[in-house]
Amino acid sequence: MPNKIQQIQLDNDGGTRFVECVLRRSSRARRINLRVTSRDRAILALPNRLPWSEAFSFLANQREWLRKKTLEFPSVTRLEEHFRRGGKVCLDKNPRVLEWSRSDLCVRNSISIGQEEVFLTLGKEADLEVELMKTCFKLARQNLPVRLARLSTLQGLNWNRYRVANQRSRWGSCSNAGTISLNWRLILLPYELGNYVLFHELAHLKYMNHSVAFWDFLESLVPHSKELDLQLRQLSRTIMGLARDT
């Protein structure tokens, strides 16, 4: 049976916004289950034995829950807007502004890295948002593995493989096989916070959980790690919402 779509109107700071809820039947569901997947989308799983009317009734009673949960997700912001507002690229302890210009003479887009800026030269017809994303991703693939290798050598922690990817909600992860995955957006965090994430994933090489032992070990690698973790969560809504449409 096809899914149903329900637009839920939510009150938000004196205004209104809408969340698209996808209602689908599930042979595995034992009860109605509602989960939020983004700031403007949720999925409701309905047991086969229940009528659609119960799903709609359930949704009507979850407006406040939906409002709070969807606000936990980052709002989508264009990279152009982020950098025009003063966002920085943090490849080392010296944050750099990212600037760009267009030229009729530019045959191939180019990147130059100075002491205080990253400069991007674009052709007249280049899609700015796409090229900003490509630039940041390229810089992350060049920068993050070097930082990871340096920090791991410093602490005597050995990983097997790494990958830099476009994760939607995680800053990083570490697999049982010793593969560390890193979000390209780490280079948009203050350098100290970016390194905290790298240490966090390196600590998982020893403790594949978030036990007390894990946090104690992470604290030995990064003093005041809990404070840094709080700062990271506070920034996540802003930085994780960047370049979601590219």
C-alpha atoms as a PDB file:
ATOM      1  CA  MET A   1       0.000   0.000   0.000  1.00  0.00           C
ATOM      2  CA  PRO A   2       1.428   3.424  -0.906  1.00  0.00           C
ATOM      3  CA  ASN A   3       2.687   5.804   1.754  1.00  0.00           C
ATOM      4  CA  LYS A   4       0.683   8.797   2.826  1.00  0.00           C
ATOM      5  CA  ILE A   5       2.051  12.315   3.261  1.00  0.00           C
ATOM      6  CA  GLN A   6       0.819  14.668   5.957  1.00  0.00           C
ATOM      7  CA  GLN A   7       1.945  18.284   6.300  1.00  0.00           C
ATOM      8  CA  ILE A   8       2.048  19.280   9.973  1.00  0.00           C
ATOM      9  CA  GLN A   9       1.941  22.974  10.799  1.00  0.00           C
ATOM     10  CA  LEU A  10       4.017  23.944  13.818  1.00  0.00           C
ATOM     11  CA  ASP A  11       4.155  27.155  15.823  1.00  0.00           C
ATOM     12  CA  ASN A  12       7.692  28.488  15.986  1.00  0.00           C
ATOM     13  CA  ASP A  13       8.728  31.701  17.791  1.00  0.00           C
ATOM     14  CA  GLY A  14       5.629  33.598  16.793  1.00  0.00           C
ATOM     15  CA  GLY A  15       5.600  32.227  13.246  1.00  0.00           C
ATOM     16  CA  THR A  16       4.709  28.952  11.610  1.00  0.00           C
ATOM     17  CA  ARG A  17       6.583  26.295   9.663  1.00  0.00           C
ATOM     18  CA  PHE A  18       5.692  22.937   8.184  1.00  0.00           C
ATOM     19  CA  VAL A  19       7.075  19.447   8.683  1.00  0.00           C
ATOM     20  CA  GLU A  20       6.403  16.766   6.089  1.00  0.00           C
ATOM     21  CA  CYS A  21       5.449  13.490   7.749  1.00  0.00           C
ATOM     22  CA  VAL A  22       5.660  10.295   5.721  1.00  0.00           C
ATOM     23  CA  LEU A  23       3.198   7.670   6.989  1.00  0.00           C
ATOM     24  CA  ARG A  24       3.978   4.104   6.017  1.00  0.00           C
ATOM     25  CA  ARG A  25       2.702   0.685   7.053  1.00  0.00           C
ATOM     26  CA  SER A  26       5.198  -1.755   8.508  1.00  0.00           C
ATOM     27  CA  SER A  27       4.861  -5.483   9.080  1.00  0.00           C
ATOM     28  CA  ARG A  28       7.646  -5.233  11.663  1.00  0.00           C
ATOM     29  CA  ALA A  29       6.136  -2.421  13.744  1.00  0.00           C
ATOM     30  CA  ARG A  30       4.428  -3.492  16.964  1.00  0.00           C
ATOM     31  CA  ARG A  31       3.233   0.004  17.789  1.00  0.00           C
ATOM     32  CA  ILE A  32       3.148   3.413  16.164  1.00  0.00           C
ATOM     33  CA  ASN A  33       6.671   4.757  15.859  1.00  0.00           C
ATOM     34  CA  LEU A  34       7.517   8.345  14.950  1.00  0.00           C
ATOM     35  CA  ARG A  35      11.047   9.521  14.215  1.00  0.00           C
ATOM     36  CA  VAL A  36      12.454  12.796  12.939  1.00  0.00           C
ATOM     37  CA  THR A  37      14.967  12.650  10.092  1.00  0.00           C
ATOM     38  CA  SER A  38      15.595  16.351   9.488  1.00  0.00           C
ATOM     39  CA  ARG A  39      14.373  19.809  10.445  1.00  0.00           C
ATOM     40  CA  ASP A  40      11.444  19.509   8.048  1.00  0.00           C
ATOM     41  CA  ARG A  41      10.774  15.766   7.719  1.00  0.00           C
ATOM     42  CA  ALA A  42       9.559  12.890   9.920  1.00  0.00           C
ATOM     43  CA  ILE A  43       8.566   9.267   9.330  1.00  0.00           C
ATOM     44  CA  LEU A  44       5.734   7.428  11.064  1.00  0.00           C
ATOM     45  CA  ALA A  45       5.631   3.629  10.977  1.00  0.00           C
ATOM     46  CA  LEU A  46       2.155   2.155  11.438  1.00  0.00           C
ATOM     47  CA  PRO A  47       1.482  -1.512  12.317  1.00  0.00           C
ATOM     48  CA  ASN A  48      -0.499  -3.253   9.590  1.00  0.00           C
ATOM     49  CA  ARG A  49      -3.362  -4.021  11.949  1.00  0.00           C
ATOM     50  CA  LEU A  50      -4.112  -0.349  12.709  1.00  0.00           C
ATOM     51  CA  PRO A  51      -6.232   1.981  10.534  1.00  0.00           C
ATOM     52  CA  TRP A  52      -4.771   5.135   9.010  1.00  0.00           C
ATOM     53  CA  SER A  53      -7.041   7.200  11.246  1.00  0.00           C
ATOM     54  CA  GLU A  54      -4.967   6.201  14.280  1.00  0.00           C
ATOM     55  CA  ALA A  55      -1.822   7.435  12.591  1.00  0.00           C
ATOM     56  CA  PHE A  56      -3.390  10.821  11.852  1.00  0.00           C
ATOM     57  CA  SER A  57      -4.734  11.057  15.414  1.00  0.00           C
ATOM     58  CA  PHE A  58      -1.311  10.176  16.821  1.00  0.00           C
ATOM     59  CA  LEU A  59       0.354  12.863  14.718  1.00  0.00           C
ATOM     60  CA  ALA A  60      -2.128  15.493  15.843  1.00  0.00           C
ATOM     61  CA  ASN A  61      -1.088  14.845  19.459  1.00  0.00           C
ATOM     62  CA  GLN A  62       2.642  15.042  18.717  1.00  0.00           C
ATOM     63  CA  ARG A  63       2.908  18.598  17.448  1.00  0.00           C
ATOM     64  CA  GLU A  64       4.891  19.912  20.429  1.00  0.00           C
ATOM     65  CA  TRP A  65       7.184  16.874  20.391  1.00  0.00           C
ATOM     66  CA  LEU A  66       7.775  17.381  16.666  1.00  0.00           C
ATOM     67  CA  ARG A  67       8.489  21.066  17.189  1.00  0.00           C
ATOM     68  CA  LYS A  68      11.156  20.376  19.816  1.00  0.00           C
ATOM     69  CA  LYS A  69      12.730  17.423  18.022  1.00  0.00           C
ATOM     70  CA  THR A  70      12.954  19.092  14.614  1.00  0.00           C
ATOM     71  CA  LEU A  71      14.588  22.162  16.171  1.00  0.00           C
ATOM     72  CA  GLU A  72      17.428  19.892  17.323  1.00  0.00           C
ATOM     73  CA  PHE A  73      18.376  19.472  13.675  1.00  0.00           C
ATOM     74  CA  PRO A  74      20.478  22.129  11.917  1.00  0.00           C
ATOM     75  CA  SER A  75      18.854  24.624   9.595  1.00  0.00           C
ATOM     76  CA  VAL A  76      20.248  24.500   6.065  1.00  0.00           C
ATOM     77  CA  THR A  77      22.616  27.354   5.180  1.00  0.00           C
ATOM     78  CA  ARG A  78      24.494  27.983   1.953  1.00  0.00           C
ATOM     79  CA  LEU A  79      28.280  28.045   2.132  1.00  0.00           C
ATOM     80  CA  GLU A  80      28.274  31.388   0.337  1.00  0.00           C
ATOM     81  CA  GLU A  81      26.184  32.894   3.112  1.00  0.00           C
ATOM     82  CA  HIS A  82      28.331  31.252   5.804  1.00  0.00           C
ATOM     83  CA  PHE A  83      31.572  32.697   4.456  1.00  0.00           C
ATOM     84  CA  ARG A  84      30.079  36.110   3.736  1.00  0.00           C
ATOM     85  CA  ARG A  85      29.047  36.235   7.392  1.00  0.00           C
ATOM     86  CA  GLY A  86      32.622  35.621   8.515  1.00  0.00           C
ATOM     87  CA  GLY A  87      32.908  31.821   8.555  1.00  0.00           C
ATOM     88  CA  LYS A  88      36.518  30.633   8.562  1.00  0.00           C
ATOM     89  CA  VAL A  89      38.498  27.675   7.256  1.00  0.00           C
ATOM     90  CA  CYS A  90      40.662  26.198  10.021  1.00  0.00           C
ATOM     91  CA  LEU A  91      43.505  24.153   8.574  1.00  0.00           C
ATOM     92  CA  ASP A  92      45.826  25.015  11.472  1.00  0.00           C
ATOM     93  CA  LYS A  93      45.850  27.390  14.421  1.00  0.00           C
ATOM     94  CA  ASN A  94      45.507  30.323  12.041  1.00  0.00           C
ATOM     95  CA  PRO A  95      41.858  30.643  10.855  1.00  0.00           C
ATOM     96  CA  ARG A  96      41.526  31.771   7.239  1.00  0.00           C
ATOM     97  CA  VAL A  97      38.750  33.614   5.468  1.00  0.00           C
ATOM     98  CA  LEU A  98      37.582  32.071   2.190  1.00  0.00           C
ATOM     99  CA  GLU A  99      37.289  34.554  -0.646  1.00  0.00           C
ATOM    100  CA  TRP A 100      36.587  34.181  -4.349  1.00  0.00           C
ATOM    101  CA  SER A 101      36.509  36.057  -7.618  1.00  0.00           C
ATOM    102  CA  ARG A 102      35.364  35.340 -11.165  1.00  0.00           C
ATOM    103  CA  SER A 103      37.350  35.868 -14.325  1.00  0.00           C
ATOM    104  CA  ASP A 104      36.659  35.501 -18.046  1.00  0.00           C
ATOM    105  CA  LEU A 105      40.251  34.321 -18.402  1.00  0.00           C
ATOM    106  CA  CYS A 106      39.845  31.468 -15.916  1.00  0.00           C
ATOM    107  CA  VAL A 107      39.861  28.192 -17.826  1.00  0.00           C
ATOM    108  CA  ARG A 108      40.164  25.988 -14.761  1.00  0.00           C
ATOM    109  CA  ASN A 109      39.137  26.898 -11.205  1.00  0.00           C
ATOM    110  CA  SER A 110      42.097  27.297  -8.860  1.00  0.00           C
ATOM    111  CA  ILE A 111      42.732  27.474  -5.105  1.00  0.00           C
ATOM    112  CA  SER A 112      45.534  29.346  -3.370  1.00  0.00           C
ATOM    113  CA  ILE A 113      46.202  29.203   0.372  1.00  0.00           C
ATOM    114  CA  GLY A 114      47.751  32.198   2.085  1.00  0.00           C
ATOM    115  CA  GLN A 115      48.533  32.988   5.710  1.00  0.00           C
ATOM    116  CA  GLU A 116      45.175  34.676   6.293  1.00  0.00           C
ATOM    117  CA  GLU A 117      42.962  33.536   3.441  1.00  0.00           C
ATOM    118  CA  VAL A 118      42.008  30.788   1.041  1.00  0.00           C
ATOM    119  CA  PHE A 119      41.362  32.297  -2.368  1.00  0.00           C
ATOM    120  CA  LEU A 120      39.272  30.653  -5.072  1.00  0.00           C
ATOM    121  CA  THR A 121      39.380  31.808  -8.686  1.00  0.00           C
ATOM    122  CA  LEU A 122      36.330  30.832 -10.742  1.00  0.00           C
ATOM    123  CA  GLY A 123      35.159  31.059 -14.306  1.00  0.00           C
ATOM    124  CA  LYS A 124      32.215  33.319 -15.074  1.00  0.00           C
ATOM    125  CA  GLU A 125      29.744  30.457 -15.462  1.00  0.00           C
ATOM    126  CA  ALA A 126      30.835  28.351 -12.469  1.00  0.00           C
ATOM    127  CA  ASP A 127      28.186  27.453  -9.878  1.00  0.00           C
ATOM    128  CA  LEU A 128      29.503  29.218  -6.776  1.00  0.00           C
ATOM    129  CA  GLU A 129      27.877  26.972  -4.174  1.00  0.00           C
ATOM    130  CA  VAL A 130      29.036  23.801  -5.914  1.00  0.00           C
ATOM    131  CA  GLU A 131      32.583  25.118  -6.249  1.00  0.00           C
ATOM    132  CA  LEU A 132      32.715  26.230  -2.616  1.00  0.00           C
ATOM    133  CA  MET A 133      31.679  22.724  -1.591  1.00  0.00           C
ATOM    134  CA  LYS A 134      34.308  21.148  -3.854  1.00  0.00           C
ATOM    135  CA  THR A 135      36.953  23.487  -2.465  1.00  0.00           C
ATOM    136  CA  CYS A 136      36.131  22.711   1.161  1.00  0.00           C
ATOM    137  CA  PHE A 137      35.986  18.991   0.482  1.00  0.00           C
ATOM    138  CA  LYS A 138      39.346  19.064  -1.293  1.00  0.00           C
ATOM    139  CA  LEU A 139      40.938  21.030   1.542  1.00  0.00           C
ATOM    140  CA  ALA A 140      39.491  18.590   4.087  1.00  0.00           C
ATOM    141  CA  ARG A 141      40.851  15.559   2.215  1.00  0.00           C
ATOM    142  CA  GLN A 142      44.292  17.176   2.174  1.00  0.00           C
ATOM    143  CA  ASN A 143      44.274  18.480   5.731  1.00  0.00           C
ATOM    144  CA  LEU A 144      42.421  16.064   7.997  1.00  0.00           C
ATOM    145  CA  PRO A 145      44.498  12.900   7.336  1.00  0.00           C
ATOM    146  CA  VAL A 146      47.697  14.843   8.093  1.00  0.00           C
ATOM    147  CA  ARG A 147      46.280  16.080  11.381  1.00  0.00           C
ATOM    148  CA  LEU A 148      44.975  12.619  12.255  1.00  0.00           C
ATOM    149  CA  ALA A 149      48.361  11.030  11.549  1.00  0.00           C
ATOM    150  CA  ARG A 150      50.188  13.627  13.633  1.00  0.00           C
ATOM    151  CA  LEU A 151      47.895  13.278  16.641  1.00  0.00           C
ATOM    152  CA  SER A 152      47.834   9.476  16.493  1.00  0.00           C
ATOM    153  CA  THR A 153      51.644   9.324  16.336  1.00  0.00           C
ATOM    154  CA  LEU A 154      51.853  11.711  19.264  1.00  0.00           C
ATOM    155  CA  GLN A 155      49.672   9.399  21.384  1.00  0.00           C
ATOM    156  CA  GLY A 156      50.885   6.053  19.991  1.00  0.00           C
ATOM    157  CA  LEU A 157      47.450   5.107  18.616  1.00  0.00           C
ATOM    158  CA  ASN A 158      47.385   3.225  15.337  1.00  0.00           C
ATOM    159  CA  TRP A 159      44.454   3.267  12.899  1.00  0.00           C
ATOM    160  CA  ASN A 160      44.183   1.163   9.762  1.00  0.00           C
ATOM    161  CA  ARG A 161      42.286   3.321   7.274  1.00  0.00           C
ATOM    162  CA  TYR A 162      40.619   6.698   7.076  1.00  0.00           C
ATOM    163  CA  ARG A 163      37.951   8.292   4.926  1.00  0.00           C
ATOM    164  CA  VAL A 164      36.689  11.853   4.564  1.00  0.00           C
ATOM    165  CA  ALA A 165      33.011  11.976   3.666  1.00  0.00           C
ATOM    166  CA  ASN A 166      29.849  14.083   3.668  1.00  0.00           C
ATOM    167  CA  GLN A 167      28.160  12.751   6.801  1.00  0.00           C
ATOM    168  CA  ARG A 168      24.816  14.346   7.606  1.00  0.00           C
ATOM    169  CA  SER A 169      24.866  14.169  11.387  1.00  0.00           C
ATOM    170  CA  ARG A 170      28.160  12.715  12.641  1.00  0.00           C
ATOM    171  CA  TRP A 171      31.465  14.497  13.004  1.00  0.00           C
ATOM    172  CA  GLY A 172      33.308  11.219  12.837  1.00  0.00           C
ATOM    173  CA  SER A 173      33.247   7.518  13.607  1.00  0.00           C
ATOM    174  CA  CYS A 174      35.622   4.643  14.275  1.00  0.00           C
ATOM    175  CA  SER A 175      34.915   1.055  13.240  1.00  0.00           C
ATOM    176  CA  ASN A 176      35.998  -2.146  14.961  1.00  0.00           C
ATOM    177  CA  ALA A 177      38.422  -2.651  12.083  1.00  0.00           C
ATOM    178  CA  GLY A 178      40.188   0.611  12.925  1.00  0.00           C
ATOM    179  CA  THR A 179      38.730   2.689  10.069  1.00  0.00           C
ATOM    180  CA  ILE A 180      38.218   6.316  11.044  1.00  0.00           C
ATOM    181  CA  SER A 181      35.646   8.325   9.084  1.00  0.00           C
ATOM    182  CA  LEU A 182      35.736  12.116   9.267  1.00  0.00           C
ATOM    183  CA  ASN A 183      33.239  14.774   8.234  1.00  0.00           C
ATOM    184  CA  TRP A 184      34.684  17.323   5.801  1.00  0.00           C
ATOM    185  CA  ARG A 185      32.993  20.081   7.829  1.00  0.00           C
ATOM    186  CA  LEU A 186      35.638  19.596  10.551  1.00  0.00           C
ATOM    187  CA  ILE A 187      37.797  22.194   8.796  1.00  0.00           C
ATOM    188  CA  LEU A 188      35.019  24.738   9.428  1.00  0.00           C
ATOM    189  CA  LEU A 189      35.250  24.223  13.191  1.00  0.00           C
ATOM    190  CA  PRO A 190      37.723  26.123  15.352  1.00  0.00           C
ATOM    191  CA  TYR A 191      41.016  24.233  15.149  1.00  0.00           C
ATOM    192  CA  GLU A 192      40.946  23.094  18.786  1.00  0.00           C
ATOM    193  CA  LEU A 193      37.444  21.664  18.378  1.00  0.00           C
ATOM    194  CA  GLY A 194      38.382  19.909  15.164  1.00  0.00           C
ATOM    195  CA  ASN A 195      41.326  18.270  16.908  1.00  0.00           C
ATOM    196  CA  TYR A 196      39.041  17.278  19.768  1.00  0.00           C
ATOM    197  CA  VAL A 197      36.919  15.279  17.303  1.00  0.00           C
ATOM    198  CA  LEU A 198      40.049  13.596  15.931  1.00  0.00           C
ATOM    199  CA  PHE A 199      41.139  12.656  19.461  1.00  0.00           C
ATOM    200  CA  HIS A 200      37.607  11.439  20.205  1.00  0.00           C
ATOM    201  CA  GLU A 201      37.741   8.994  17.308  1.00  0.00           C
ATOM    202  CA  LEU A 202      41.302   7.945  18.148  1.00  0.00           C
ATOM    203  CA  ALA A 203      40.167   7.163  21.699  1.00  0.00           C
ATOM    204  CA  HIS A 204      37.658   4.719  20.234  1.00  0.00           C
ATOM    205  CA  LEU A 205      40.580   2.633  19.009  1.00  0.00           C
ATOM    206  CA  LYS A 206      40.997   1.675  22.651  1.00  0.00           C
ATOM    207  CA  TYR A 207      37.405   1.876  23.874  1.00  0.00           C
ATOM    208  CA  MET A 208      34.625   1.163  21.362  1.00  0.00           C
ATOM    209  CA  ASN A 209      31.966   2.750  23.561  1.00  0.00           C
ATOM    210  CA  HIS A 210      31.254   5.863  25.602  1.00  0.00           C
ATOM    211  CA  SER A 211      31.941   4.298  28.978  1.00  0.00           C
ATOM    212  CA  VAL A 212      33.508   6.073  31.953  1.00  0.00           C
ATOM    213  CA  ALA A 213      36.806   4.484  30.935  1.00  0.00           C
ATOM    214  CA  PHE A 214      36.473   6.005  27.466  1.00  0.00           C
ATOM    215  CA  TRP A 215      35.868   9.512  28.807  1.00  0.00           C
ATOM    216  CA  ASP A 216      38.722   9.171  31.298  1.00  0.00           C
ATOM    217  CA  PHE A 217      41.049   8.110  28.505  1.00  0.00           C
ATOM    218  CA  LEU A 218      39.867  10.948  26.254  1.00  0.00           C
ATOM    219  CA  GLU A 219      40.452  13.380  29.111  1.00  0.00           C
ATOM    220  CA  SER A 220      44.045  12.139  29.305  1.00  0.00           C
ATOM    221  CA  LEU A 221      44.424  12.937  25.603  1.00  0.00           C
ATOM    222  CA  VAL A 222      42.501  16.221  25.668  1.00  0.00           C
ATOM    223  CA  PRO A 223      42.161  18.056  28.990  1.00  0.00           C
ATOM    224  CA  HIS A 224      38.686  19.537  29.563  1.00  0.00           C
ATOM    225  CA  SER A 225      37.201  17.202  26.942  1.00  0.00           C
ATOM    226  CA  LYS A 226      33.681  17.471  28.382  1.00  0.00           C
ATOM    227  CA  GLU A 227      33.772  21.246  27.968  1.00  0.00           C
ATOM    228  CA  LEU A 228      34.960  20.864  24.385  1.00  0.00           C
ATOM    229  CA  ASP A 229      32.205  18.328  23.744  1.00  0.00           C
ATOM    230  CA  LEU A 230      29.628  20.863  24.938  1.00  0.00           C
ATOM    231  CA  GLN A 231      31.082  23.550  22.656  1.00  0.00           C
ATOM    232  CA  LEU A 232      30.941  21.100  19.770  1.00  0.00           C
ATOM    233  CA  ARG A 233      27.270  20.320  20.371  1.00  0.00           C
ATOM    234  CA  GLN A 234      26.478  24.034  20.516  1.00  0.00           C
ATOM    235  CA  LEU A 235      28.146  24.639  17.151  1.00  0.00           C
ATOM    236  CA  SER A 236      26.761  21.521  15.492  1.00  0.00           C
ATOM    237  CA  ARG A 237      23.397  23.063  14.578  1.00  0.00           C
ATOM    238  CA  THR A 238      25.158  25.766  12.567  1.00  0.00           C
ATOM    239  CA  ILE A 239      27.988  23.871  10.899  1.00  0.00           C
ATOM    240  CA  MET A 240      26.125  20.623  10.215  1.00  0.00           C
ATOM    241  CA  GLY A 241      23.512  22.568   8.276  1.00  0.00           C
ATOM    242  CA  LEU A 242      26.035  23.800   5.717  1.00  0.00           C
ATOM    243  CA  ALA A 243      25.980  22.607   2.108  1.00  0.00           C
ATOM    244  CA  ARG A 244      23.181  20.094   2.587  1.00  0.00           C
ATOM    245  CA  ASP A 245      21.838  20.683  -0.904  1.00  0.00           C
ATOM    246  CA  THR A 246      25.099  20.252  -2.842  1.00  0.00           C
END
